[in-house]
Amino acid sequence: MAPRDSAPRHDSMPDVVPSWSQPAPAPADASVVARRLIELANKVPAGTWVSYGDLADAYTAVHKRNMIGRGVASALSSLPAYSAVAEQPVLERQQAVDRWQLPWHRIRVADGRVVSLRLGERASDDFTNQMLIAEGGTVRHGAATSACRCNLLTVCDTTPQRRPPDQ
């Protein structure tokens, strides 16, 4: 006899983990700041993640304008976020992910957790964690590990370029 709290398995309905391959076009009404943040977020390699603060630091370094993590969240809040995907039936999630302008599963709070403004902290088995794992990232106790955190400043090559010596 099965324990009372176990749910029946439905092997005919496989767990489908969506994958993110390329950004959808930015909305026509997206601000310049949002467009720049989208461009930076799309540089985060598969299997790695950045925090909102990391995006802010990269924005400041690349565009020479001050930015903080809350500013990043605010500027990106008008875009279709992963929270809407979480509410989709499993088989429709890929279609929703295909409408993302940036890889939402690679953008997290500083400790690696996924947090949604609408839904709060996501469960450790949330599909965004599953997406990161499928790309080669690591997640422990619901948070992406620091081992797969991306140094976006290095990816963006924000180091000052030296002029070649005069000949």
Foldseek 3Di string as FASTA:
>chain_A
DDDPPDDDDDVVDDQDQAEADAADDDDPPQDPVLVVLLVLQQLQDQLAAEELQLSQVLCCLPVVDHDGSVNSCVSCVVFDACVVLQPDPRVCSNVVSRHHRHLRLRYDHPQAWHADPVPGTDALVRSSVVNSVVRPFDGDRRGTDPVRYDNSCVSVVSDDDDDDDDD
